[in-house]
Amino acid sequence: MYTIERTEFGFQITFAGKMDEEALHEWIDDSRATLRSSPDEFGVLVDMRDLNLLSDDEQQLMREGQQHYQDAGMVRSSVILDSAILTLQFRRLAQESGIYDWERYINAEMTDGWHQQAVDWLVDGIDPDYQ
């Protein structure tokens, strides 16, 4: 399951449960449609706290979807996780897709005020890794 919401900083995407290939294709299509009317520059908060691990094929589709956001004007993204394994998986995905330099990972289980830290990164460039 996923949702895509417009916010004051851009978009919030929430992934939960099992995102199989069919669901990821649907997310990519919905993202393309949503991004047609996106601002020139925006931030994306991605909540993955309840997402199951992805297979290799599913990871490839996630990279494809991430690239659409980058191409449409994403300046920064904050990824919210609560699993060390998922954190490692998505950090690698970001490196492979070329968005790691402007993507920050926040472990919600270990970080008080994780939502504000995520928004501060998106809006003001305040790096949560140095707070």
Protein backbone atom coordinates (compact mmCIF):
# COMPACT_ATOMS: atom_id res chain seq x y z
CA MET A 1 0.00 0.00 0.00
CA TYR A 2 1.11 3.55 -0.67
CA THR A 3 -0.18 7.11 -0.56
CA ILE A 4 1.05 10.27 -2.26
CA GLU A 5 0.04 13.53 -0.58
CA ARG A 6 0.79 17.14 -1.54
CA THR A 7 2.27 19.16 1.32
CA GLU A 8 3.64 22.66 1.93
CA PHE A 9 7.16 21.37 1.14
CA GLY A 10 6.19 19.18 -1.82
CA PHE A 11 5.03 15.61 -1.30
CA GLN A 12 4.73 12.99 1.39
CA ILE A 13 4.80 9.39 0.21
CA THR A 14 3.91 6.60 2.61
CA PHE A 15 4.71 2.96 1.87
CA ALA A 16 3.37 0.15 4.05
CA GLY A 17 3.30 -3.61 3.96
CA LYS A 18 4.27 -5.58 0.88
CA MET A 19 4.95 -3.48 -2.21
CA ASP A 20 5.03 -6.09 -4.97
CA GLU A 21 5.82 -5.31 -8.60
CA GLU A 22 2.19 -4.59 -9.47
CA ALA A 23 1.85 -2.10 -6.61
CA LEU A 24 5.16 -0.44 -7.52
CA HIS A 25 4.08 -0.07 -11.17
CA GLU A 26 0.87 1.56 -9.94
CA TRP A 27 2.88 3.91 -7.69
CA ILE A 28 5.15 4.86 -10.60
CA ASP A 29 2.12 5.63 -12.81
CA ASP A 30 0.43 7.64 -10.05
CA SER A 31 3.69 9.50 -9.38
CA ARG A 32 4.09 10.44 -13.04
CA ALA A 33 0.53 11.81 -13.09
CA THR A 34 1.04 13.72 -9.82
CA LEU A 35 4.38 15.16 -10.92
CA ARG A 36 2.91 16.71 -14.08
CA SER A 37 1.66 19.58 -11.93
CA SER A 38 4.51 19.72 -9.43
CA PRO A 39 6.36 22.94 -8.56
CA ASP A 40 9.73 23.50 -10.23
CA GLU A 41 11.50 22.54 -6.99
CA PHE A 42 10.15 20.55 -4.07
CA GLY A 43 10.99 18.20 -1.21
CA VAL A 44 9.74 14.69 -0.58
CA LEU A 45 9.19 13.05 2.79
CA VAL A 46 9.06 9.27 2.39
CA ASP A 47 7.61 7.32 5.31
CA MET A 48 8.77 3.70 5.08
CA ARG A 49 8.33 2.72 8.70
CA ASP A 50 5.85 -0.04 7.85
CA LEU A 51 7.32 -1.23 4.54
CA ASN A 52 8.40 -4.85 4.09
CA LEU A 53 11.78 -5.64 2.52
CA LEU A 54 11.88 -5.45 -1.28
CA SER A 55 13.11 -8.10 -3.70
CA ASP A 56 15.78 -7.19 -6.28
CA ASP A 57 13.14 -6.60 -8.97
CA GLU A 58 11.07 -4.48 -6.60
CA GLN A 59 14.17 -2.46 -5.68
CA GLN A 60 14.74 -1.72 -9.37
CA LEU A 61 11.20 -0.39 -9.70
CA MET A 62 11.71 1.75 -6.58
CA ARG A 63 14.84 3.24 -8.20
CA GLU A 64 12.82 3.98 -11.34
CA GLY A 65 10.18 5.77 -9.29
CA GLN A 66 12.79 7.75 -7.36
CA GLN A 67 14.28 8.92 -10.65
CA HIS A 68 10.93 10.40 -11.75
CA TYR A 69 10.87 12.60 -8.65
CA GLN A 70 14.44 13.73 -9.22
CA ASP A 71 13.77 14.52 -12.87
CA ALA A 72 10.63 16.50 -11.93
CA GLY A 73 12.46 18.87 -9.53
CA MET A 74 13.02 17.13 -6.20
CA VAL A 75 15.72 19.08 -4.35
CA ARG A 76 15.84 17.08 -1.12
CA SER A 77 14.20 14.04 0.39
CA SER A 78 13.86 12.68 3.91
CA VAL A 79 13.32 8.96 4.36
CA ILE A 80 11.76 7.82 7.62
CA LEU A 81 12.55 4.25 8.69
CA ASP A 82 12.48 2.19 11.85
CA SER A 83 14.54 -0.78 10.70
CA ALA A 84 18.32 -0.98 10.39
CA ILE A 85 17.99 -3.44 7.49
CA LEU A 86 15.63 -1.18 5.52
CA THR A 87 17.87 1.79 6.25
CA LEU A 88 20.83 -0.04 4.70
CA GLN A 89 18.76 -1.22 1.73
CA PHE A 90 17.45 2.23 0.87
CA ARG A 91 20.75 3.98 1.46
CA ARG A 92 22.18 1.62 -1.18
CA LEU A 93 19.21 2.30 -3.48
CA ALA A 94 19.82 6.03 -3.19
CA GLN A 95 23.50 5.63 -4.01
CA GLU A 96 22.65 3.57 -7.08
CA SER A 97 19.99 5.99 -8.29
CA GLY A 98 22.16 9.08 -7.74
CA ILE A 99 20.04 10.82 -5.08
CA TYR A 100 22.07 10.02 -1.97
CA ASP A 101 23.67 13.50 -1.80
CA TRP A 102 20.32 15.14 -1.06
CA GLU A 103 18.57 12.30 0.73
CA ARG A 104 18.68 11.90 4.51
CA TYR A 105 17.64 8.84 6.50
CA ILE A 106 15.99 9.25 9.87
CA ASN A 107 15.32 6.32 12.18
CA ALA A 108 11.98 7.16 13.83
CA GLU A 109 12.53 4.58 16.57
CA MET A 110 15.70 6.31 17.74
CA THR A 111 14.99 9.97 16.93
CA ASP A 112 12.74 12.25 18.93
CA GLY A 113 11.12 14.85 16.72
CA TRP A 114 11.86 12.88 13.56
CA HIS A 115 9.07 14.56 11.57
CA GLN A 116 10.33 18.07 12.34
CA GLN A 117 13.90 17.06 11.52
CA ALA A 118 12.69 15.67 8.19
CA VAL A 119 10.81 18.87 7.34
CA ASP A 120 13.73 21.08 8.46
CA TRP A 121 15.96 19.22 5.99
CA LEU A 122 13.43 19.56 3.18
CA VAL A 123 12.61 23.23 3.72
CA ASP A 124 15.76 24.79 5.17
CA GLY A 125 18.53 22.29 4.41
CA ILE A 126 19.20 21.68 8.11
CA ASP A 127 21.02 18.37 8.05
CA PRO A 128 19.55 15.91 10.58
CA ASP A 129 22.85 14.02 10.59
CA TYR A 130 24.41 16.98 12.45
CA GLN A 131 21.68 17.82 14.99
